[in-house]
mmCIF file of all heavy atoms, coordinates in Angstrom:
data_MODEL
# 
_entry.id   MODEL 
# 
loop_
_atom_site.group_PDB 
_atom_site.id 
_atom_site.type_symbol 
_atom_site.label_atom_id 
_atom_site.label_alt_id 
_atom_site.label_comp_id 
_atom_site.label_asym_id 
_atom_site.label_entity_id 
_atom_site.label_seq_id 
_atom_site.pdbx_PDB_ins_code 
_atom_site.Cartn_x 
_atom_site.Cartn_y 
_atom_site.Cartn_z 
_atom_site.occupancy 
_atom_site.B_iso_or_equiv 
_atom_site.pdbx_formal_charge 
_atom_site.auth_seq_id 
_atom_site.auth_comp_id 
_atom_site.auth_asym_id 
_atom_site.auth_atom_id 
_atom_site.pdbx_PDB_model_num 
ATOM 1   N N   . LEU A 1 1  ? 97.966 -4.562  -155.012 1.00 0.00 ? 1  LEU A N   1 
ATOM 2   C CA  . LEU A 1 1  ? 96.573 -4.814  -154.686 1.00 0.00 ? 1  LEU A CA  1 
ATOM 3   C C   . LEU A 1 1  ? 95.725 -3.729  -155.345 1.00 0.00 ? 1  LEU A C   1 
ATOM 4   O O   . LEU A 1 1  ? 95.748 -2.570  -154.947 1.00 0.00 ? 1  LEU A O   1 
ATOM 5   C CB  . LEU A 1 1  ? 96.349 -4.788  -153.174 1.00 0.00 ? 1  LEU A CB  1 
ATOM 6   C CG  . LEU A 1 1  ? 97.032 -5.895  -152.370 1.00 0.00 ? 1  LEU A CG  1 
ATOM 7   C CD1 . LEU A 1 1  ? 96.804 -5.673  -150.893 1.00 0.00 ? 1  LEU A CD1 1 
ATOM 8   C CD2 . LEU A 1 1  ? 96.524 -7.246  -152.799 1.00 0.00 ? 1  LEU A CD2 1 
ATOM 9   N N   . ASP A 1 2  ? 95.000 -4.103  -156.350 1.00 0.00 ? 2  ASP A N   1 
ATOM 10  C CA  . ASP A 1 2  ? 94.137 -3.141  -157.027 1.00 0.00 ? 2  ASP A CA  1 
ATOM 11  C C   . ASP A 1 2  ? 92.822 -2.999  -156.259 1.00 0.00 ? 2  ASP A C   1 
ATOM 12  O O   . ASP A 1 2  ? 92.547 -3.756  -155.321 1.00 0.00 ? 2  ASP A O   1 
ATOM 13  C CB  . ASP A 1 2  ? 93.898 -3.551  -158.479 1.00 0.00 ? 2  ASP A CB  1 
ATOM 14  C CG  . ASP A 1 2  ? 93.223 -4.903  -158.613 1.00 0.00 ? 2  ASP A CG  1 
ATOM 15  O OD1 . ASP A 1 2  ? 93.133 -5.616  -157.604 1.00 0.00 ? 2  ASP A OD1 1 
ATOM 16  O OD2 . ASP A 1 2  ? 92.778 -5.244  -159.716 1.00 0.00 ? 2  ASP A OD2 1 
ATOM 17  N N   . PRO A 1 3  ? 91.993 -2.041  -156.606 1.00 0.00 ? 3  PRO A N   1 
ATOM 18  C CA  . PRO A 1 3  ? 90.732 -1.841  -155.878 1.00 0.00 ? 3  PRO A CA  1 
ATOM 19  C C   . PRO A 1 3  ? 89.805 -3.063  -155.921 1.00 0.00 ? 3  PRO A C   1 
ATOM 20  O O   . PRO A 1 3  ? 89.041 -3.290  -154.985 1.00 0.00 ? 3  PRO A O   1 
ATOM 21  C CB  . PRO A 1 3  ? 90.093 -0.656  -156.590 1.00 0.00 ? 3  PRO A CB  1 
ATOM 22  C CG  . PRO A 1 3  ? 91.222 0.075   -157.200 1.00 0.00 ? 3  PRO A CG  1 
ATOM 23  C CD  . PRO A 1 3  ? 92.229 -0.970  -157.566 1.00 0.00 ? 3  PRO A CD  1 
ATOM 24  N N   . GLY A 1 4  ? 89.869 -3.849  -156.968 1.00 0.00 ? 4  GLY A N   1 
ATOM 25  C CA  . GLY A 1 4  ? 89.035 -5.050  -157.043 1.00 0.00 ? 4  GLY A CA  1 
ATOM 26  C C   . GLY A 1 4  ? 89.397 -6.059  -155.972 1.00 0.00 ? 4  GLY A C   1 
ATOM 27  O O   . GLY A 1 4  ? 88.524 -6.701  -155.380 1.00 0.00 ? 4  GLY A O   1 
ATOM 28  N N   . THR A 1 5  ? 90.694 -6.200  -155.698 1.00 0.00 ? 5  THR A N   1 
ATOM 29  C CA  . THR A 1 5  ? 91.137 -7.130  -154.656 1.00 0.00 ? 5  THR A CA  1 
ATOM 30  C C   . THR A 1 5  ? 90.667 -6.657  -153.285 1.00 0.00 ? 5  THR A C   1 
ATOM 31  O O   . THR A 1 5  ? 90.201 -7.453  -152.467 1.00 0.00 ? 5  THR A O   1 
ATOM 32  C CB  . THR A 1 5  ? 92.667 -7.247  -154.675 1.00 0.00 ? 5  THR A CB  1 
ATOM 33  O OG1 . THR A 1 5  ? 93.092 -7.603  -155.984 1.00 0.00 ? 5  THR A OG1 1 
ATOM 34  C CG2 . THR A 1 5  ? 93.150 -8.287  -153.700 1.00 0.00 ? 5  THR A CG2 1 
ATOM 35  N N   . GLY A 1 6  ? 90.774 -5.369  -153.028 1.00 0.00 ? 6  GLY A N   1 
ATOM 36  C CA  . GLY A 1 6  ? 90.294 -4.830  -151.750 1.00 0.00 ? 6  GLY A CA  1 
ATOM 37  C C   . GLY A 1 6  ? 88.802 -5.025  -151.585 1.00 0.00 ? 6  GLY A C   1 
ATOM 38  O O   . GLY A 1 6  ? 88.320 -5.301  -150.487 1.00 0.00 ? 6  GLY A O   1 
ATOM 39  N N   . SER A 1 7  ? 88.065 -4.894  -152.684 1.00 0.00 ? 7  SER A N   1 
ATOM 40  C CA  . SER A 1 7  ? 86.623 -5.084  -152.644 1.00 0.00 ? 7  SER A CA  1 
ATOM 41  C C   . SER A 1 7  ? 86.278 -6.532  -152.312 1.00 0.00 ? 7  SER A C   1 
ATOM 42  O O   . SER A 1 7  ? 85.363 -6.792  -151.525 1.00 0.00 ? 7  SER A O   1 
ATOM 43  C CB  . SER A 1 7  ? 86.008 -4.694  -153.986 1.00 0.00 ? 7  SER A CB  1 
ATOM 44  O OG  . SER A 1 7  ? 84.632 -4.954  -153.995 1.00 0.00 ? 7  SER A OG  1 
ATOM 45  N N   . ILE A 1 8  ? 87.001 -7.471  -152.884 1.00 0.00 ? 8  ILE A N   1 
ATOM 46  C CA  . ILE A 1 8  ? 86.755 -8.891  -152.611 1.00 0.00 ? 8  ILE A CA  1 
ATOM 47  C C   . ILE A 1 8  ? 87.060 -9.209  -151.144 1.00 0.00 ? 8  ILE A C   1 
ATOM 48  O O   . ILE A 1 8  ? 86.307 -9.932  -150.483 1.00 0.00 ? 8  ILE A O   1 
ATOM 49  C CB  . ILE A 1 8  ? 87.572 -9.777  -153.563 1.00 0.00 ? 8  ILE A CB  1 
ATOM 50  C CG1 . ILE A 1 8  ? 87.017 -9.662  -154.974 1.00 0.00 ? 8  ILE A CG1 1 
ATOM 51  C CG2 . ILE A 1 8  ? 87.578 -11.224 -153.103 1.00 0.00 ? 8  ILE A CG2 1 
ATOM 52  C CD1 . ILE A 1 8  ? 87.839 -10.369 -156.029 1.00 0.00 ? 8  ILE A CD1 1 
ATOM 53  N N   . ILE A 1 9  ? 88.153 -8.658  -150.632 1.00 0.00 ? 9  ILE A N   1 
ATOM 54  C CA  . ILE A 1 9  ? 88.507 -8.889  -149.228 1.00 0.00 ? 9  ILE A CA  1 
ATOM 55  C C   . ILE A 1 9  ? 87.430 -8.300  -148.317 1.00 0.00 ? 9  ILE A C   1 
ATOM 56  O O   . ILE A 1 9  ? 87.001 -8.932  -147.347 1.00 0.00 ? 9  ILE A O   1 
ATOM 57  C CB  . ILE A 1 9  ? 89.892 -8.293  -148.917 1.00 0.00 ? 9  ILE A CB  1 
ATOM 58  C CG1 . ILE A 1 9  ? 90.978 -9.079  -149.661 1.00 0.00 ? 9  ILE A CG1 1 
ATOM 59  C CG2 . ILE A 1 9  ? 90.170 -8.284  -147.421 1.00 0.00 ? 9  ILE A CG2 1 
ATOM 60  C CD1 . ILE A 1 9  ? 92.345 -8.453  -149.613 1.00 0.00 ? 9  ILE A CD1 1 
ATOM 61  N N   . PHE A 1 10 ? 86.967 -7.091  -148.631 1.00 0.00 ? 10 PHE A N   1 
ATOM 62  C CA  . PHE A 1 10 ? 85.915 -6.448  -147.844 1.00 0.00 ? 10 PHE A CA  1 
ATOM 63  C C   . PHE A 1 10 ? 84.628 -7.269  -147.872 1.00 0.00 ? 10 PHE A C   1 
ATOM 64  O O   . PHE A 1 10 ? 83.976 -7.467  -146.844 1.00 0.00 ? 10 PHE A O   1 
ATOM 65  C CB  . PHE A 1 10 ? 85.663 -5.035  -148.384 1.00 0.00 ? 10 PHE A CB  1 
ATOM 66  C CG  . PHE A 1 10 ? 84.645 -4.267  -147.599 1.00 0.00 ? 10 PHE A CG  1 
ATOM 67  C CD1 . PHE A 1 10 ? 84.911 -3.851  -146.303 1.00 0.00 ? 10 PHE A CD1 1 
ATOM 68  C CD2 . PHE A 1 10 ? 83.409 -3.973  -148.152 1.00 0.00 ? 10 PHE A CD2 1 
ATOM 69  C CE1 . PHE A 1 10 ? 83.967 -3.142  -145.578 1.00 0.00 ? 10 PHE A CE1 1 
ATOM 70  C CE2 . PHE A 1 10 ? 82.469 -3.277  -147.439 1.00 0.00 ? 10 PHE A CE2 1 
ATOM 71  C CZ  . PHE A 1 10 ? 82.744 -2.857  -146.141 1.00 0.00 ? 10 PHE A CZ  1 
ATOM 72  N N   . GLN A 1 11 ? 84.252 -7.782  -149.038 1.00 0.00 ? 11 GLN A N   1 
ATOM 73  C CA  . GLN A 1 11 ? 83.048 -8.610  -149.145 1.00 0.00 ? 11 GLN A CA  1 
ATOM 74  C C   . GLN A 1 11 ? 83.182 -9.897  -148.343 1.00 0.00 ? 11 GLN A C   1 
ATOM 75  O O   . GLN A 1 11 ? 82.216 -10.374 -147.733 1.00 0.00 ? 11 GLN A O   1 
ATOM 76  C CB  . GLN A 1 11 ? 82.760 -8.938  -150.602 1.00 0.00 ? 11 GLN A CB  1 
ATOM 77  C CG  . GLN A 1 11 ? 82.234 -7.777  -151.394 1.00 0.00 ? 11 GLN A CG  1 
ATOM 78  C CD  . GLN A 1 11 ? 82.030 -8.122  -152.861 1.00 0.00 ? 11 GLN A CD  1 
ATOM 79  O OE1 . GLN A 1 11 ? 82.143 -9.278  -153.262 1.00 0.00 ? 11 GLN A OE1 1 
ATOM 80  N NE2 . GLN A 1 11 ? 81.720 -7.117  -153.658 1.00 0.00 ? 11 GLN A NE2 1 
ATOM 81  N N   . GLY A 1 12 ? 84.383 -10.456 -148.335 1.00 0.00 ? 12 GLY A N   1 
ATOM 82  C CA  . GLY A 1 12 ? 84.619 -11.657 -147.536 1.00 0.00 ? 12 GLY A CA  1 
ATOM 83  C C   . GLY A 1 12 ? 84.455 -11.407 -146.053 1.00 0.00 ? 12 GLY A C   1 
ATOM 84  O O   . GLY A 1 12 ? 83.862 -12.212 -145.327 1.00 0.00 ? 12 GLY A O   1 
ATOM 85  N N   . ILE A 1 13 ? 84.964 -10.267 -145.602 1.00 0.00 ? 13 ILE A N   1 
ATOM 86  C CA  . ILE A 1 13 ? 84.828 -9.917  -144.186 1.00 0.00 ? 13 ILE A CA  1 
ATOM 87  C C   . ILE A 1 13 ? 83.360 -9.710  -143.831 1.00 0.00 ? 13 ILE A C   1 
ATOM 88  O O   . ILE A 1 13 ? 82.884 -10.193 -142.790 1.00 0.00 ? 13 ILE A O   1 
ATOM 89  C CB  . ILE A 1 13 ? 85.666 -8.657  -143.871 1.00 0.00 ? 13 ILE A CB  1 
ATOM 90  C CG1 . ILE A 1 13 ? 87.159 -8.976  -143.981 1.00 0.00 ? 13 ILE A CG1 1 
ATOM 91  C CG2 . ILE A 1 13 ? 85.335 -8.107  -142.493 1.00 0.00 ? 13 ILE A CG2 1 
ATOM 92  C CD1 . ILE A 1 13 ? 88.056 -7.767  -143.948 1.00 0.00 ? 13 ILE A CD1 1 
ATOM 93  N N   . ILE A 1 14 ? 82.624 -9.018  -144.691 1.00 0.00 ? 14 ILE A N   1 
ATOM 94  C CA  . ILE A 1 14 ? 81.193 -8.799  -144.449 1.00 0.00 ? 14 ILE A CA  1 
ATOM 95  C C   . ILE A 1 14 ? 80.447 -10.140 -144.415 1.00 0.00 ? 14 ILE A C   1 
ATOM 96  O O   . ILE A 1 14 ? 79.565 -10.359 -143.575 1.00 0.00 ? 14 ILE A O   1 
ATOM 97  C CB  . ILE A 1 14 ? 80.590 -7.872  -145.525 1.00 0.00 ? 14 ILE A CB  1 
ATOM 98  C CG1 . ILE A 1 14 ? 81.206 -6.483  -145.428 1.00 0.00 ? 14 ILE A CG1 1 
ATOM 99  C CG2 . ILE A 1 14 ? 79.076 -7.797  -145.424 1.00 0.00 ? 14 ILE A CG2 1 
ATOM 100 C CD1 . ILE A 1 14 ? 80.942 -5.766  -144.137 1.00 0.00 ? 14 ILE A CD1 1 
ATOM 101 N N   . ALA A 1 15 ? 80.802 -11.058 -145.304 1.00 0.00 ? 15 ALA A N   1 
ATOM 102 C CA  . ALA A 1 15 ? 80.139 -12.365 -145.338 1.00 0.00 ? 15 ALA A CA  1 
ATOM 103 C C   . ALA A 1 15 ? 80.412 -13.158 -144.065 1.00 0.00 ? 15 ALA A C   1 
ATOM 104 O O   . ALA A 1 15 ? 79.515 -13.815 -143.530 1.00 0.00 ? 15 ALA A O   1 
ATOM 105 C CB  . ALA A 1 15 ? 80.608 -13.154 -146.562 1.00 0.00 ? 15 ALA A CB  1 
ATOM 106 N N   . VAL A 1 16 ? 81.639 -13.100 -143.567 1.00 0.00 ? 16 VAL A N   1 
ATOM 107 C CA  . VAL A 1 16 ? 81.971 -13.815 -142.331 1.00 0.00 ? 16 VAL A CA  1 
ATOM 108 C C   . VAL A 1 16 ? 81.187 -13.233 -141.160 1.00 0.00 ? 16 VAL A C   1 
ATOM 109 O O   . VAL A 1 16 ? 80.634 -13.980 -140.332 1.00 0.00 ? 16 VAL A O   1 
ATOM 110 C CB  . VAL A 1 16 ? 83.500 -13.757 -142.072 1.00 0.00 ? 16 VAL A CB  1 
ATOM 111 C CG1 . VAL A 1 16 ? 83.843 -14.198 -140.669 1.00 0.00 ? 16 VAL A CG1 1 
ATOM 112 C CG2 . VAL A 1 16 ? 84.234 -14.602 -143.093 1.00 0.00 ? 16 VAL A CG2 1 
ATOM 113 N N   . VAL A 1 17 ? 81.099 -11.917 -141.070 1.00 0.00 ? 17 VAL A N   1 
ATOM 114 C CA  . VAL A 1 17 ? 80.360 -11.282 -139.976 1.00 0.00 ? 17 VAL A CA  1 
ATOM 115 C C   . VAL A 1 17 ? 78.873 -11.619 -140.065 1.00 0.00 ? 17 VAL A C   1 
ATOM 116 O O   . VAL A 1 17 ? 78.238 -11.967 -139.059 1.00 0.00 ? 17 VAL A O   1 
ATOM 117 C CB  . VAL A 1 17 ? 80.589 -9.750  -139.989 1.00 0.00 ? 17 VAL A CB  1 
ATOM 118 C CG1 . VAL A 1 17 ? 79.645 -9.047  -139.026 1.00 0.00 ? 17 VAL A CG1 1 
ATOM 119 C CG2 . VAL A 1 17 ? 82.034 -9.433  -139.649 1.00 0.00 ? 17 VAL A CG2 1 
ATOM 120 N N   . ALA A 1 18 ? 78.301 -11.534 -141.270 1.00 0.00 ? 18 ALA A N   1 
ATOM 121 C CA  . ALA A 1 18 ? 76.876 -11.838 -141.432 1.00 0.00 ? 18 ALA A CA  1 
ATOM 122 C C   . ALA A 1 18 ? 76.578 -13.297 -141.091 1.00 0.00 ? 18 ALA A C   1 
ATOM 123 O O   . ALA A 1 18 ? 75.561 -13.607 -140.463 1.00 0.00 ? 18 ALA A O   1 
ATOM 124 C CB  . ALA A 1 18 ? 76.433 -11.532 -142.862 1.00 0.00 ? 18 ALA A CB  1 
ATOM 125 N N   . SER A 1 19 ? 77.454 -14.201 -141.498 1.00 0.00 ? 19 SER A N   1 
ATOM 126 C CA  . SER A 1 19 ? 77.265 -15.619 -141.171 1.00 0.00 ? 19 SER A CA  1 
ATOM 127 C C   . SER A 1 19 ? 77.354 -15.843 -139.664 1.00 0.00 ? 19 SER A C   1 
ATOM 128 O O   . SER A 1 19 ? 76.567 -16.616 -139.102 1.00 0.00 ? 19 SER A O   1 
ATOM 129 C CB  . SER A 1 19 ? 78.314 -16.470 -141.878 1.00 0.00 ? 19 SER A CB  1 
ATOM 130 O OG  . SER A 1 19 ? 78.196 -16.341 -143.266 1.00 0.00 ? 19 SER A OG  1 
ATOM 131 N N   . GLY A 1 20 ? 78.290 -15.183 -139.019 1.00 0.00 ? 20 GLY A N   1 
ATOM 132 C CA  . GLY A 1 20 ? 78.419 -15.318 -137.572 1.00 0.00 ? 20 GLY A CA  1 
ATOM 133 C C   . GLY A 1 20 ? 77.189 -14.820 -136.841 1.00 0.00 ? 20 GLY A C   1 
ATOM 134 O O   . GLY A 1 20 ? 76.724 -15.449 -135.894 1.00 0.00 ? 20 GLY A O   1 
ATOM 135 N N   . VAL A 1 21 ? 76.641 -13.692 -137.295 1.00 0.00 ? 21 VAL A N   1 
ATOM 136 C CA  . VAL A 1 21 ? 75.424 -13.165 -136.676 1.00 0.00 ? 21 VAL A CA  1 
ATOM 137 C C   . VAL A 1 21 ? 74.256 -14.124 -136.884 1.00 0.00 ? 21 VAL A C   1 
ATOM 138 O O   . VAL A 1 21 ? 73.483 -14.387 -135.954 1.00 0.00 ? 21 VAL A O   1 
ATOM 139 C CB  . VAL A 1 21 ? 75.096 -11.759 -137.237 1.00 0.00 ? 21 VAL A CB  1 
ATOM 140 C CG1 . VAL A 1 21 ? 73.711 -11.309 -136.828 1.00 0.00 ? 21 VAL A CG1 1 
ATOM 141 C CG2 . VAL A 1 21 ? 76.135 -10.755 -136.776 1.00 0.00 ? 21 VAL A CG2 1 
ATOM 142 N N   . ALA A 1 22 ? 74.127 -14.670 -138.088 1.00 0.00 ? 22 ALA A N   1 
ATOM 143 C CA  . ALA A 1 22 ? 73.033 -15.604 -138.363 1.00 0.00 ? 22 ALA A CA  1 
ATOM 144 C C   . ALA A 1 22 ? 73.142 -16.859 -137.504 1.00 0.00 ? 22 ALA A C   1 
ATOM 145 O O   . ALA A 1 22 ? 72.141 -17.350 -136.970 1.00 0.00 ? 22 ALA A O   1 
ATOM 146 C CB  . ALA A 1 22 ? 73.024 -15.971 -139.842 1.00 0.00 ? 22 ALA A CB  1 
ATOM 147 N N   . ILE A 1 23 ? 74.338 -17.377 -137.351 1.00 0.00 ? 23 ILE A N   1 
ATOM 148 C CA  . ILE A 1 23 ? 74.545 -18.567 -136.521 1.00 0.00 ? 23 ILE A CA  1 
ATOM 149 C C   . ILE A 1 23 ? 74.220 -18.254 -135.063 1.00 0.00 ? 23 ILE A C   1 
ATOM 150 O O   . ILE A 1 23 ? 73.569 -19.038 -134.368 1.00 0.00 ? 23 ILE A O   1 
ATOM 151 C CB  . ILE A 1 23 ? 75.983 -19.097 -136.683 1.00 0.00 ? 23 ILE A CB  1 
ATOM 152 C CG1 . ILE A 1 23 ? 76.151 -19.690 -138.073 1.00 0.00 ? 23 ILE A CG1 1 
ATOM 153 C CG2 . ILE A 1 23 ? 76.330 -20.117 -135.614 1.00 0.00 ? 23 ILE A CG2 1 
ATOM 154 C CD1 . ILE A 1 23 ? 77.577 -20.039 -138.424 1.00 0.00 ? 23 ILE A CD1 1 
ATOM 155 N N   . PHE A 1 24 ? 74.660 -17.086 -134.592 1.00 0.00 ? 24 PHE A N   1 
ATOM 156 C CA  . PHE A 1 24 ? 74.397 -16.705 -133.207 1.00 0.00 ? 24 PHE A CA  1 
ATOM 157 C C   . PHE A 1 24 ? 72.904 -16.553 -132.954 1.00 0.00 ? 24 PHE A C   1 
ATOM 158 O O   . PHE A 1 24 ? 72.385 -17.020 -131.929 1.00 0.00 ? 24 PHE A O   1 
ATOM 159 C CB  . PHE A 1 24 ? 75.121 -15.397 -132.872 1.00 0.00 ? 24 PHE A CB  1 
ATOM 160 C CG  . PHE A 1 24 ? 74.856 -14.913 -131.485 1.00 0.00 ? 24 PHE A CG  1 
ATOM 161 C CD1 . PHE A 1 24 ? 75.472 -15.511 -130.388 1.00 0.00 ? 24 PHE A CD1 1 
ATOM 162 C CD2 . PHE A 1 24 ? 73.976 -13.870 -131.249 1.00 0.00 ? 24 PHE A CD2 1 
ATOM 163 C CE1 . PHE A 1 24 ? 75.219 -15.077 -129.106 1.00 0.00 ? 24 PHE A CE1 1 
ATOM 164 C CE2 . PHE A 1 24 ? 73.719 -13.426 -129.969 1.00 0.00 ? 24 PHE A CE2 1 
ATOM 165 C CZ  . PHE A 1 24 ? 74.343 -14.027 -128.898 1.00 0.00 ? 24 PHE A CZ  1 
ATOM 166 N N   . VAL A 1 25 ? 72.185 -15.906 -133.865 1.00 0.00 ? 25 VAL A N   1 
ATOM 167 C CA  . VAL A 1 25 ? 70.743 -15.699 -133.684 1.00 0.00 ? 25 VAL A CA  1 
ATOM 168 C C   . VAL A 1 25 ? 70.013 -17.035 -133.683 1.00 0.00 ? 25 VAL A C   1 
ATOM 169 O O   . VAL A 1 25 ? 69.119 -17.271 -132.857 1.00 0.00 ? 25 VAL A O   1 
ATOM 170 C CB  . VAL A 1 25 ? 70.197 -14.766 -134.787 1.00 0.00 ? 25 VAL A CB  1 
ATOM 171 C CG1 . VAL A 1 25 ? 68.686 -14.769 -134.818 1.00 0.00 ? 25 VAL A CG1 1 
ATOM 172 C CG2 . VAL A 1 25 ? 70.713 -13.350 -134.580 1.00 0.00 ? 25 VAL A CG2 1 
ATOM 173 N N   . THR A 1 26 ? 70.384 -17.930 -134.575 1.00 0.00 ? 26 THR A N   1 
ATOM 174 C CA  . THR A 1 26 ? 69.754 -19.249 -134.625 1.00 0.00 ? 26 THR A CA  1 
ATOM 175 C C   . THR A 1 26 ? 70.005 -20.022 -133.337 1.00 0.00 ? 26 THR A C   1 
ATOM 176 O O   . THR A 1 26 ? 69.088 -20.632 -132.772 1.00 0.00 ? 26 THR A O   1 
ATOM 177 C CB  . THR A 1 26 ? 70.283 -20.045 -135.830 1.00 0.00 ? 26 THR A CB  1 
ATOM 178 O OG1 . THR A 1 26 ? 70.061 -19.288 -137.012 1.00 0.00 ? 26 THR A OG1 1 
ATOM 179 C CG2 . THR A 1 26 ? 69.597 -21.385 -135.946 1.00 0.00 ? 26 THR A CG2 1 
ATOM 180 N N   . ALA A 1 27 ? 71.242 -19.993 -132.858 1.00 0.00 ? 27 ALA A N   1 
ATOM 181 C CA  . ALA A 1 27 ? 71.565 -20.700 -131.619 1.00 0.00 ? 27 ALA A CA  1 
ATOM 182 C C   . ALA A 1 27 ? 70.836 -20.066 -130.441 1.00 0.00 ? 27 ALA A C   1 
ATOM 183 O O   . ALA A 1 27 ? 70.346 -20.763 -129.551 1.00 0.00 ? 27 ALA A O   1 
ATOM 184 C CB  . ALA A 1 27 ? 73.067 -20.682 -131.385 1.00 0.00 ? 27 ALA A CB  1 
ATOM 185 N N   . TRP A 1 28 ? 70.734 -18.728 -130.425 1.00 0.00 ? 28 TRP A N   1 
ATOM 186 C CA  . TRP A 1 28 ? 70.061 -18.034 -129.330 1.00 0.00 ? 28 TRP A CA  1 
ATOM 187 C C   . TRP A 1 28 ? 68.580 -18.393 -129.284 1.00 0.00 ? 28 TRP A C   1 
ATOM 188 O O   . TRP A 1 28 ? 68.016 -18.586 -128.213 1.00 0.00 ? 28 TRP A O   1 
ATOM 189 C CB  . TRP A 1 28 ? 70.255 -16.529 -129.470 1.00 0.00 ? 28 TRP A CB  1 
ATOM 190 C CG  . TRP A 1 28 ? 69.704 -15.754 -128.318 1.00 0.00 ? 28 TRP A CG  1 
ATOM 191 C CD1 . TRP A 1 28 ? 68.609 -14.956 -128.329 1.00 0.00 ? 28 TRP A CD1 1 
ATOM 192 C CD2 . TRP A 1 28 ? 70.207 -15.724 -126.985 1.00 0.00 ? 28 TRP A CD2 1 
ATOM 193 N NE1 . TRP A 1 28 ? 68.398 -14.413 -127.087 1.00 0.00 ? 28 TRP A NE1 1 
ATOM 194 C CE2 . TRP A 1 28 ? 69.364 -14.875 -126.234 1.00 0.00 ? 28 TRP A CE2 1 
ATOM 195 C CE3 . TRP A 1 28 ? 71.277 -16.333 -126.354 1.00 0.00 ? 28 TRP A CE3 1 
ATOM 196 C CZ2 . TRP A 1 28 ? 69.580 -14.632 -124.896 1.00 0.00 ? 28 TRP A CZ2 1 
ATOM 197 C CZ3 . TRP A 1 28 ? 71.479 -16.080 -125.011 1.00 0.00 ? 28 TRP A CZ3 1 
ATOM 198 C CH2 . TRP A 1 28 ? 70.641 -15.244 -124.305 1.00 0.00 ? 28 TRP A CH2 1 
ATOM 199 N N   . LYS A 1 29 ? 67.954 -18.495 -130.460 1.00 0.00 ? 29 LYS A N   1 
ATOM 200 C CA  . LYS A 1 29 ? 66.535 -18.883 -130.489 1.00 0.00 ? 29 LYS A CA  1 
ATOM 201 C C   . LYS A 1 29 ? 66.354 -20.297 -129.951 1.00 0.00 ? 29 LYS A C   1 
ATOM 202 O O   . LYS A 1 29 ? 65.389 -20.578 -129.246 1.00 0.00 ? 29 LYS A O   1 
ATOM 203 C CB  . LYS A 1 29 ? 65.998 -18.781 -131.917 1.00 0.00 ? 29 LYS A CB  1 
ATOM 204 C CG  . LYS A 1 29 ? 65.746 -17.369 -132.364 1.00 0.00 ? 29 LYS A CG  1 
ATOM 205 C CD  . LYS A 1 29 ? 65.164 -17.326 -133.759 1.00 0.00 ? 29 LYS A CD  1 
ATOM 206 C CE  . LYS A 1 29 ? 64.936 -15.900 -134.207 1.00 0.00 ? 29 LYS A CE  1 
ATOM 207 N NZ  . LYS A 1 29 ? 64.394 -15.827 -135.569 1.00 0.00 ? 29 LYS A NZ  1 
# 
């Protein structure tokens, strides 16, 4: 696993968290 692969995995995790927060905020409103 080179640093590029770790970066892609990290970006994927950040995207999942950001999407979850956006969905939660929309549903809460």
